[in-house]
């Protein structure tokens, strides 16, 4: 599993969002579904997390 860190802009306010996903496309889709009012979505970084 990979954790993706996004910076989104909603009505001029910058918010940081973290999602866990298997790939970047599904992570972007999750962010878009959770924040439908987001004007900009920018990937900041990603990190691999263990599945223990």
Protein backbone atom coordinates (compact mmCIF):
# COMPACT_ATOMS: atom_id res chain seq x y z
CA UNK A 1 0.00 0.00 0.00
CA UNK A 2 1.19 3.51 -0.74
CA UNK A 3 0.22 6.72 1.11
CA UNK A 4 -0.19 9.76 -1.12
CA UNK A 5 0.01 13.30 0.26
CA UNK A 6 -1.98 15.87 -1.72
CA UNK A 7 -2.34 19.62 -1.42
CA UNK A 8 -5.75 20.80 -2.60
CA UNK A 9 -7.31 24.23 -2.93
CA UNK A 10 -10.96 24.67 -1.94
CA UNK A 11 -12.40 28.17 -2.33
CA UNK A 12 -8.95 29.73 -2.05
CA UNK A 13 -7.94 27.76 1.08
CA UNK A 14 -5.09 25.26 0.82
CA UNK A 15 -5.73 21.94 2.59
CA UNK A 16 -3.49 18.89 2.94
CA UNK A 17 -5.06 15.48 2.36
CA UNK A 18 -3.58 11.99 2.85
CA UNK A 19 -5.00 8.88 1.18
CA UNK A 20 -3.92 5.25 1.00
CA UNK A 21 -4.18 3.56 -2.39
CA UNK A 22 -2.48 1.02 -4.63
CA UNK A 23 -1.64 3.46 -7.44
CA UNK A 24 -1.65 7.16 -8.22
CA UNK A 25 -4.78 7.12 -10.39
CA UNK A 26 -6.93 5.54 -7.67
CA UNK A 27 -5.49 7.94 -5.08
CA UNK A 28 -6.40 10.93 -7.26
CA UNK A 29 -9.90 9.52 -7.70
CA UNK A 30 -10.32 9.14 -3.94
CA UNK A 31 -9.25 12.74 -3.35
CA UNK A 32 -11.62 13.94 -6.08
CA UNK A 33 -14.55 11.97 -4.58
CA UNK A 34 -13.85 13.16 -1.02
CA UNK A 35 -13.45 16.80 -2.08
CA UNK A 36 -15.72 17.50 -5.07
CA UNK A 37 -15.36 21.28 -4.59
CA UNK A 38 -11.55 21.16 -5.02
CA UNK A 39 -10.26 23.60 -7.61
CA UNK A 40 -6.66 22.36 -7.67
CA UNK A 41 -5.27 18.96 -6.67
CA UNK A 42 -1.49 18.66 -6.46
CA UNK A 43 0.49 15.56 -5.45
CA UNK A 44 3.12 16.57 -2.90
CA UNK A 45 4.74 13.23 -2.14
CA UNK A 46 4.17 9.51 -1.75
CA UNK A 47 5.53 6.94 0.67
CA UNK A 48 5.39 3.19 0.82
CA UNK A 49 3.81 1.79 3.98
CA UNK A 50 4.12 -1.80 5.16
CA UNK A 51 1.16 -4.18 4.98
CA UNK A 52 1.97 -5.96 8.24
